[in-house]
Amino acid sequence: MSNRSSSLEETFYGNCASLYDVVATAPGIRGWREHTVETLSLSPSDTVVEMGCGTGANLPFLRRAVGSEGTVIGIDLVRGMLDRAHKRVERHGWENVHLIQGDATTPPIDSADALVSTFVIGMLTDPASAVRTWMNTVEPGGRVTLLNAARTNRLVARPLNLPCRLFVRLTAPGYQLRADSPVKRLEERWVDASEALFEGTTGHVDERIGMGFITLASGEVIGETG
């Protein structure tokens, strides 16, 4: 990710952190997040890392899964997002949830039992490389789960693809006036990321939820991925 695009995204998402938090914690979306955390097969006392934790919408589910003896680490580049995540942590008194400002492509962590990233892949210029880096931080036998948005492949919901495309364009930094499609870019990066994930893992989960608009990929790390 270039310095220019990184700065653009920091400003864009920092300015809309409050609105993002409302959408991210909506009832239907909470169900997707809970299901995503379930695919990690976490146990009490595990350490789980979230790349791109945003305002902390996944934190309640991650913390519940590892219990008070486990550790949750949330990493995000955008200070405005982290500020809201900090408020969530303080409100619940979670002493074992730690938030770090950092770049998901060069994560400031050494190891973890599991890793999750939701709605981040489409922002990365080289998602495959990032996913391989993430897998190398997870102990063999631990799981990595990715979640992202896409156009639905379900016939009954296809009429909703147009508003989906408009929504992605409006919420993709720098794409409001560009001719190329941010949805196409999003989907291409998802393919790269999920292929990299499946190359270095076993026990794959590959599914669509949310009427087909949400793609989920998960796998159990088998070792160093290079």
C-alpha atoms as a PDB file:
ATOM      1  CA  MET A   1       0.000   0.000   0.000  1.00  0.00           C
ATOM      2  CA  SER A   2       1.524   3.343  -1.031  1.00  0.00           C
ATOM      3  CA  ASN A   3       1.960   6.174   1.456  1.00  0.00           C
ATOM      4  CA  ARG A   4      -0.580   8.241  -0.487  1.00  0.00           C
ATOM      5  CA  SER A   5      -3.298   5.565  -0.491  1.00  0.00           C
ATOM      6  CA  SER A   6      -2.588   4.726   3.132  1.00  0.00           C
ATOM      7  CA  SER A   7      -2.990   8.374   4.150  1.00  0.00           C
ATOM      8  CA  LEU A   8      -6.196   8.647   2.103  1.00  0.00           C
ATOM      9  CA  GLU A   9      -7.724   5.629   3.808  1.00  0.00           C
ATOM     10  CA  GLU A  10      -6.658   6.808   7.269  1.00  0.00           C
ATOM     11  CA  THR A  11      -8.398  10.148   6.694  1.00  0.00           C
ATOM     12  CA  PHE A  12     -11.507   8.616   5.089  1.00  0.00           C
ATOM     13  CA  TYR A  13     -12.105   5.937   7.723  1.00  0.00           C
ATOM     14  CA  GLY A  14     -11.078   8.204  10.563  1.00  0.00           C
ATOM     15  CA  ASN A  15     -13.716  10.726   9.552  1.00  0.00           C
ATOM     16  CA  CYS A  16     -16.491   8.141   9.264  1.00  0.00           C
ATOM     17  CA  ALA A  17     -15.608   6.016  12.319  1.00  0.00           C
ATOM     18  CA  SER A  18     -18.885   6.800  14.093  1.00  0.00           C
ATOM     19  CA  LEU A  19     -21.063   5.868  11.111  1.00  0.00           C
ATOM     20  CA  TYR A  20     -18.946   2.780  10.440  1.00  0.00           C
ATOM     21  CA  ASP A  21     -19.476   1.621  14.019  1.00  0.00           C
ATOM     22  CA  VAL A  22     -23.260   1.861  13.667  1.00  0.00           C
ATOM     23  CA  VAL A  23     -23.214  -0.254  10.497  1.00  0.00           C
ATOM     24  CA  ALA A  24     -20.614  -2.698  11.818  1.00  0.00           C
ATOM     25  CA  THR A  25     -22.682  -3.545  14.899  1.00  0.00           C
ATOM     26  CA  ALA A  26     -26.103  -3.794  13.215  1.00  0.00           C
ATOM     27  CA  PRO A  27     -28.093  -6.893  14.302  1.00  0.00           C
ATOM     28  CA  GLY A  28     -27.723  -8.892  11.074  1.00  0.00           C
ATOM     29  CA  ILE A  29     -24.041  -8.109  10.756  1.00  0.00           C
ATOM     30  CA  ARG A  30     -23.408  -9.186  14.339  1.00  0.00           C
ATOM     31  CA  GLY A  31     -24.554 -12.654  13.318  1.00  0.00           C
ATOM     32  CA  TRP A  32     -21.947 -12.781  10.541  1.00  0.00           C
ATOM     33  CA  ARG A  33     -19.248 -11.741  12.981  1.00  0.00           C
ATOM     34  CA  GLU A  34     -20.269 -14.341  15.540  1.00  0.00           C
ATOM     35  CA  HIS A  35     -20.191 -17.063  12.896  1.00  0.00           C
ATOM     36  CA  THR A  36     -16.776 -15.871  11.731  1.00  0.00           C
ATOM     37  CA  VAL A  37     -15.347 -16.177  15.236  1.00  0.00           C
ATOM     38  CA  GLU A  38     -16.861 -19.657  15.583  1.00  0.00           C
ATOM     39  CA  THR A  39     -14.794 -20.848  12.594  1.00  0.00           C
ATOM     40  CA  LEU A  40     -11.596 -20.057  14.537  1.00  0.00           C
ATOM     41  CA  SER A  41     -12.318 -22.920  16.992  1.00  0.00           C
ATOM     42  CA  LEU A  42     -10.886 -20.872  19.853  1.00  0.00           C
ATOM     43  CA  SER A  43     -10.344 -22.271  23.351  1.00  0.00           C
ATOM     44  CA  PRO A  44     -10.124 -20.495  26.705  1.00  0.00           C
ATOM     45  CA  SER A  45      -6.592 -19.098  27.263  1.00  0.00           C
ATOM     46  CA  ASP A  46      -5.883 -18.789  23.511  1.00  0.00           C
ATOM     47  CA  THR A  47      -4.314 -15.664  22.018  1.00  0.00           C
ATOM     48  CA  VAL A  48      -6.213 -14.386  18.998  1.00  0.00           C
ATOM     49  CA  VAL A  49      -5.240 -11.476  16.758  1.00  0.00           C
ATOM     50  CA  GLU A  50      -7.553  -9.378  14.629  1.00  0.00           C
ATOM     51  CA  MET A  51      -6.003  -7.590  11.668  1.00  0.00           C
ATOM     52  CA  GLY A  52      -7.920  -4.401  10.973  1.00  0.00           C
ATOM     53  CA  CYS A  53     -10.052  -4.425  14.109  1.00  0.00           C
ATOM     54  CA  GLY A  54     -11.723  -1.108  13.226  1.00  0.00           C
ATOM     55  CA  THR A  55     -14.048   0.124  15.957  1.00  0.00           C
ATOM     56  CA  GLY A  56     -13.964  -3.234  17.747  1.00  0.00           C
ATOM     57  CA  ALA A  57     -17.158  -4.844  16.449  1.00  0.00           C
ATOM     58  CA  ASN A  58     -15.597  -8.329  16.639  1.00  0.00           C
ATOM     59  CA  LEU A  59     -14.057  -7.867  20.069  1.00  0.00           C
ATOM     60  CA  PRO A  60     -17.070  -9.046  22.135  1.00  0.00           C
ATOM     61  CA  PHE A  61     -17.179 -12.357  20.268  1.00  0.00           C
ATOM     62  CA  LEU A  62     -13.418 -12.873  20.347  1.00  0.00           C
ATOM     63  CA  ARG A  63     -13.207 -12.078  24.036  1.00  0.00           C
ATOM     64  CA  ARG A  64     -16.105 -14.394  24.854  1.00  0.00           C
ATOM     65  CA  ALA A  65     -14.395 -17.226  22.940  1.00  0.00           C
ATOM     66  CA  VAL A  66     -11.037 -16.988  24.755  1.00  0.00           C
ATOM     67  CA  GLY A  67     -12.484 -16.058  28.141  1.00  0.00           C
ATOM     68  CA  SER A  68     -10.818 -13.993  30.830  1.00  0.00           C
ATOM     69  CA  GLU A  69      -7.688 -16.175  30.704  1.00  0.00           C
ATOM     70  CA  GLY A  70      -7.087 -15.656  26.988  1.00  0.00           C
ATOM     71  CA  THR A  71      -5.773 -12.642  25.093  1.00  0.00           C
ATOM     72  CA  VAL A  72      -7.293 -10.607  22.289  1.00  0.00           C
ATOM     73  CA  ILE A  73      -5.076  -8.291  20.242  1.00  0.00           C
ATOM     74  CA  GLY A  74      -6.659  -5.829  17.829  1.00  0.00           C
ATOM     75  CA  ILE A  75      -4.512  -4.060  15.235  1.00  0.00           C
ATOM     76  CA  ASP A  76      -5.630  -1.142  13.082  1.00  0.00           C
ATOM     77  CA  LEU A  77      -3.929   1.666  11.209  1.00  0.00           C
ATOM     78  CA  VAL A  78      -6.613   4.303  11.721  1.00  0.00           C
ATOM     79  CA  ARG A  79      -6.496   6.216  15.002  1.00  0.00           C
ATOM     80  CA  GLY A  80     -10.140   7.306  14.768  1.00  0.00           C
ATOM     81  CA  MET A  81     -11.232   3.675  14.556  1.00  0.00           C
ATOM     82  CA  LEU A  82      -9.004   2.634  17.441  1.00  0.00           C
ATOM     83  CA  ASP A  83     -10.331   5.447  19.617  1.00  0.00           C
ATOM     84  CA  ARG A  84     -13.820   3.970  19.383  1.00  0.00           C
ATOM     85  CA  ALA A  85     -12.458   0.467  19.956  1.00  0.00           C
ATOM     86  CA  HIS A  86     -10.683   1.703  23.101  1.00  0.00           C
ATOM     87  CA  LYS A  87     -13.970   3.112  24.395  1.00  0.00           C
ATOM     88  CA  ARG A  88     -15.633  -0.265  23.844  1.00  0.00           C
ATOM     89  CA  VAL A  89     -12.866  -2.055  25.740  1.00  0.00           C
ATOM     90  CA  GLU A  90     -12.972   0.427  28.622  1.00  0.00           C
ATOM     91  CA  ARG A  91     -16.770   0.270  28.824  1.00  0.00           C
ATOM     92  CA  HIS A  92     -16.678  -3.505  29.282  1.00  0.00           C
ATOM     93  CA  GLY A  93     -13.588  -3.521  31.489  1.00  0.00           C
ATOM     94  CA  TRP A  94     -11.744  -6.075  29.330  1.00  0.00           C
ATOM     95  CA  GLU A  95      -8.247  -6.172  30.810  1.00  0.00           C
ATOM     96  CA  ASN A  96      -7.114  -8.908  28.413  1.00  0.00           C
ATOM     97  CA  VAL A  97      -8.030  -7.035  25.219  1.00  0.00           C
ATOM     98  CA  HIS A  98      -5.137  -5.005  23.810  1.00  0.00           C
ATOM     99  CA  LEU A  99      -5.267  -2.554  20.910  1.00  0.00           C
ATOM    100  CA  ILE A 100      -2.272  -1.571  18.785  1.00  0.00           C
ATOM    101  CA  GLN A 101      -1.975   1.038  16.050  1.00  0.00           C
ATOM    102  CA  GLY A 102      -0.110  -0.603  13.195  1.00  0.00           C
ATOM    103  CA  ASP A 103      -0.128  -1.692   9.571  1.00  0.00           C
ATOM    104  CA  ALA A 104      -1.771  -5.070   8.953  1.00  0.00           C
ATOM    105  CA  THR A 105       0.733  -5.814   6.178  1.00  0.00           C
ATOM    106  CA  THR A 106       3.618  -5.645   8.679  1.00  0.00           C
ATOM    107  CA  PRO A 107       1.942  -6.798  11.897  1.00  0.00           C
ATOM    108  CA  PRO A 108       3.723  -5.917  15.165  1.00  0.00           C
ATOM    109  CA  ILE A 109       3.241  -9.392  16.651  1.00  0.00           C
ATOM    110  CA  ASP A 110       5.345 -12.556  16.812  1.00  0.00           C
ATOM    111  CA  SER A 111       2.868 -15.367  17.354  1.00  0.00           C
ATOM    112  CA  ALA A 112      -0.771 -16.209  18.033  1.00  0.00           C
ATOM    113  CA  ASP A 113      -3.076 -19.196  18.292  1.00  0.00           C
ATOM    114  CA  ALA A 114      -5.504 -17.818  15.703  1.00  0.00           C
ATOM    115  CA  LEU A 115      -6.051 -14.788  13.480  1.00  0.00           C
ATOM    116  CA  VAL A 116      -9.077 -13.138  11.936  1.00  0.00           C
ATOM    117  CA  SER A 117      -9.579 -10.284   9.493  1.00  0.00           C
ATOM    118  CA  THR A 118     -12.969  -8.948   8.391  1.00  0.00           C
ATOM    119  CA  PHE A 119     -13.620  -6.488   5.559  1.00  0.00           C
ATOM    120  CA  VAL A 120      -9.917  -5.639   5.184  1.00  0.00           C
ATOM    121  CA  ILE A 121      -8.691  -7.720   2.221  1.00  0.00           C
ATOM    122  CA  GLY A 122     -10.127  -5.336  -0.363  1.00  0.00           C
ATOM    123  CA  MET A 123      -8.023  -2.462   1.012  1.00  0.00           C
ATOM    124  CA  LEU A 124      -4.688  -4.237   0.527  1.00  0.00           C
ATOM    125  CA  THR A 125      -2.700  -3.813  -2.683  1.00  0.00           C
ATOM    126  CA  ASP A 126      -1.012  -7.211  -2.222  1.00  0.00           C
ATOM    127  CA  PRO A 127      -3.458  -9.270  -0.163  1.00  0.00           C
ATOM    128  CA  ALA A 128      -1.806 -12.625  -0.928  1.00  0.00           C
ATOM    129  CA  SER A 129       1.494 -11.461   0.568  1.00  0.00           C
ATOM    130  CA  ALA A 130      -0.312 -10.084   3.623  1.00  0.00           C
ATOM    131  CA  VAL A 131      -2.187 -13.339   4.195  1.00  0.00           C
ATOM    132  CA  ARG A 132       1.038 -15.358   3.991  1.00  0.00           C
ATOM    133  CA  THR A 133       2.584 -13.030   6.561  1.00  0.00           C
ATOM    134  CA  TRP A 134      -0.428 -13.507   8.819  1.00  0.00           C
ATOM    135  CA  MET A 135      -0.253 -17.278   8.532  1.00  0.00           C
ATOM    136  CA  ASN A 136       3.397 -17.219   9.562  1.00  0.00           C
ATOM    137  CA  THR A 137       2.408 -15.551  12.845  1.00  0.00           C
ATOM    138  CA  VAL A 138      -0.069 -18.321  13.714  1.00  0.00           C
ATOM    139  CA  GLU A 139       1.114 -21.489  15.409  1.00  0.00           C
ATOM    140  CA  PRO A 140       0.642 -24.701  13.388  1.00  0.00           C
ATOM    141  CA  GLY A 141      -2.826 -26.059  14.102  1.00  0.00           C
ATOM    142  CA  GLY A 142      -4.262 -22.588  14.644  1.00  0.00           C
ATOM    143  CA  ARG A 143      -6.846 -21.166  12.299  1.00  0.00           C
ATOM    144  CA  VAL A 144      -6.959 -18.083  10.080  1.00  0.00           C
ATOM    145  CA  THR A 145     -10.352 -16.757   8.962  1.00  0.00           C
ATOM    146  CA  LEU A 146     -11.057 -14.028   6.414  1.00  0.00           C
ATOM    147  CA  LEU A 147     -14.357 -12.280   5.731  1.00  0.00           C
ATOM    148  CA  ASN A 148     -15.187  -9.830   2.976  1.00  0.00           C
ATOM    149  CA  ALA A 149     -18.000  -8.406   0.852  1.00  0.00           C
ATOM    150  CA  ALA A 150     -18.765  -9.326  -2.758  1.00  0.00           C
ATOM    151  CA  ARG A 151     -21.546  -9.337  -5.326  1.00  0.00           C
ATOM    152  CA  THR A 152     -23.944 -12.153  -4.608  1.00  0.00           C
ATOM    153  CA  ASN A 153     -24.013 -15.280  -6.762  1.00  0.00           C
ATOM    154  CA  ARG A 154     -27.548 -16.202  -5.690  1.00  0.00           C
ATOM    155  CA  LEU A 155     -30.165 -15.723  -8.391  1.00  0.00           C
ATOM    156  CA  VAL A 156     -32.898 -14.441  -6.088  1.00  0.00           C
ATOM    157  CA  ALA A 157     -30.628 -11.708  -4.671  1.00  0.00           C
ATOM    158  CA  ARG A 158     -28.908 -10.596  -7.877  1.00  0.00           C
ATOM    159  CA  PRO A 159     -31.130  -7.503  -8.325  1.00  0.00           C
ATOM    160  CA  LEU A 160     -29.419  -6.183  -5.188  1.00  0.00           C
ATOM    161  CA  ASN A 161     -25.982  -6.284  -6.827  1.00  0.00           C
ATOM    162  CA  LEU A 162     -26.447  -2.799  -8.285  1.00  0.00           C
ATOM    163  CA  PRO A 163     -27.049  -1.063  -4.926  1.00  0.00           C
ATOM    164  CA  CYS A 164     -24.205  -3.185  -3.545  1.00  0.00           C
ATOM    165  CA  ARG A 165     -21.876  -1.813  -6.219  1.00  0.00           C
ATOM    166  CA  LEU A 166     -23.000   1.749  -5.475  1.00  0.00           C
ATOM    167  CA  PHE A 167     -22.455   1.247  -1.745  1.00  0.00           C
ATOM    168  CA  VAL A 168     -18.929  -0.105  -2.271  1.00  0.00           C
ATOM    169  CA  ARG A 169     -18.051   2.794  -4.568  1.00  0.00           C
ATOM    170  CA  LEU A 170     -19.265   5.337  -2.020  1.00  0.00           C
ATOM    171  CA  THR A 171     -17.330   3.681   0.799  1.00  0.00           C
ATOM    172  CA  ALA A 172     -14.104   2.984  -1.110  1.00  0.00           C
ATOM    173  CA  PRO A 173     -11.615   5.833  -0.550  1.00  0.00           C
ATOM    174  CA  GLY A 174     -10.664   7.551  -3.805  1.00  0.00           C
ATOM    175  CA  TYR A 175     -13.130   5.623  -5.993  1.00  0.00           C
ATOM    176  CA  GLN A 176     -16.068   8.025  -6.008  1.00  0.00           C
ATOM    177  CA  LEU A 177     -15.000   9.664  -9.297  1.00  0.00           C
ATOM    178  CA  ARG A 178     -12.939   6.864 -10.886  1.00  0.00           C
ATOM    179  CA  ALA A 179     -14.103   4.905 -13.923  1.00  0.00           C
ATOM    180  CA  ASP A 180     -12.829   1.487 -12.832  1.00  0.00           C
ATOM    181  CA  SER A 181     -14.919  -0.683 -10.544  1.00  0.00           C
ATOM    182  CA  PRO A 182     -14.023  -0.967  -6.850  1.00  0.00           C
ATOM    183  CA  VAL A 183     -16.219  -4.091  -6.613  1.00  0.00           C
ATOM    184  CA  LYS A 184     -14.175  -5.827  -9.302  1.00  0.00           C
ATOM    185  CA  ARG A 185     -10.997  -4.833  -7.507  1.00  0.00           C
ATOM    186  CA  LEU A 186     -12.460  -6.105  -4.239  1.00  0.00           C
ATOM    187  CA  GLU A 187     -13.329  -9.473  -5.733  1.00  0.00           C
ATOM    188  CA  GLU A 188      -9.971  -9.892  -7.470  1.00  0.00           C
ATOM    189  CA  ARG A 189      -8.158  -9.253  -4.215  1.00  0.00           C
ATOM    190  CA  TRP A 190     -10.411 -11.721  -2.429  1.00  0.00           C
ATOM    191  CA  VAL A 191      -9.471 -14.425  -4.928  1.00  0.00           C
ATOM    192  CA  ASP A 192      -5.767 -13.715  -4.392  1.00  0.00           C
ATOM    193  CA  ALA A 193      -6.148 -13.736  -0.606  1.00  0.00           C
ATOM    194  CA  SER A 194      -8.255 -16.892  -0.363  1.00  0.00           C
ATOM    195  CA  GLU A 195      -5.956 -18.797  -2.737  1.00  0.00           C
ATOM    196  CA  ALA A 196      -2.950 -17.842  -0.599  1.00  0.00           C
ATOM    197  CA  LEU A 197      -4.821 -18.923   2.529  1.00  0.00           C
ATOM    198  CA  PHE A 198      -5.817 -22.302   1.132  1.00  0.00           C
ATOM    199  CA  GLU A 199      -2.275 -22.990  -0.136  1.00  0.00           C
ATOM    200  CA  GLY A 200      -0.900 -22.902   3.405  1.00  0.00           C
ATOM    201  CA  THR A 201      -3.767 -24.436   5.357  1.00  0.00           C
ATOM    202  CA  THR A 202      -5.929 -27.517   5.697  1.00  0.00           C
ATOM    203  CA  GLY A 203      -9.476 -28.097   6.992  1.00  0.00           C
ATOM    204  CA  HIS A 204     -10.835 -25.427   4.674  1.00  0.00           C
ATOM    205  CA  VAL A 205     -14.091 -23.554   5.092  1.00  0.00           C
ATOM    206  CA  ASP A 206     -15.213 -21.730   1.949  1.00  0.00           C
ATOM    207  CA  GLU A 207     -18.723 -20.316   2.084  1.00  0.00           C
ATOM    208  CA  ARG A 208     -21.042 -17.406   1.409  1.00  0.00           C
ATOM    209  CA  ILE A 209     -23.395 -15.939   3.979  1.00  0.00           C
ATOM    210  CA  GLY A 210     -25.643 -12.882   4.137  1.00  0.00           C
ATOM    211  CA  MET A 211     -27.649 -13.800   0.997  1.00  0.00           C
ATOM    212  CA  GLY A 212     -24.368 -14.476  -0.780  1.00  0.00           C
ATOM    213  CA  PHE A 213     -22.958 -10.970  -0.309  1.00  0.00           C
ATOM    214  CA  ILE A 214     -20.399 -12.062   2.275  1.00  0.00           C
ATOM    215  CA  THR A 215     -17.528 -14.432   1.469  1.00  0.00           C
ATOM    216  CA  LEU A 216     -15.787 -16.407   4.205  1.00  0.00           C
ATOM    217  CA  ALA A 217     -12.574 -18.417   3.966  1.00  0.00           C
ATOM    218  CA  SER A 218     -10.906 -20.254   6.827  1.00  0.00           C
ATOM    219  CA  GLY A 219      -8.123 -22.778   7.225  1.00  0.00           C
ATOM    220  CA  GLU A 220      -5.869 -24.485   9.769  1.00  0.00           C
ATOM    221  CA  VAL A 221      -2.228 -23.457   9.458  1.00  0.00           C
ATOM    222  CA  ILE A 222       0.131 -26.334   8.608  1.00  0.00           C
ATOM    223  CA  GLY A 223       3.499 -24.570   8.887  1.00  0.00           C
ATOM    224  CA  GLU A 224       5.733 -21.870   7.414  1.00  0.00           C
ATOM    225  CA  THR A 225       4.333 -20.511   4.150  1.00  0.00           C
ATOM    226  CA  GLY A 226       7.407 -18.623   2.947  1.00  0.00           C
END
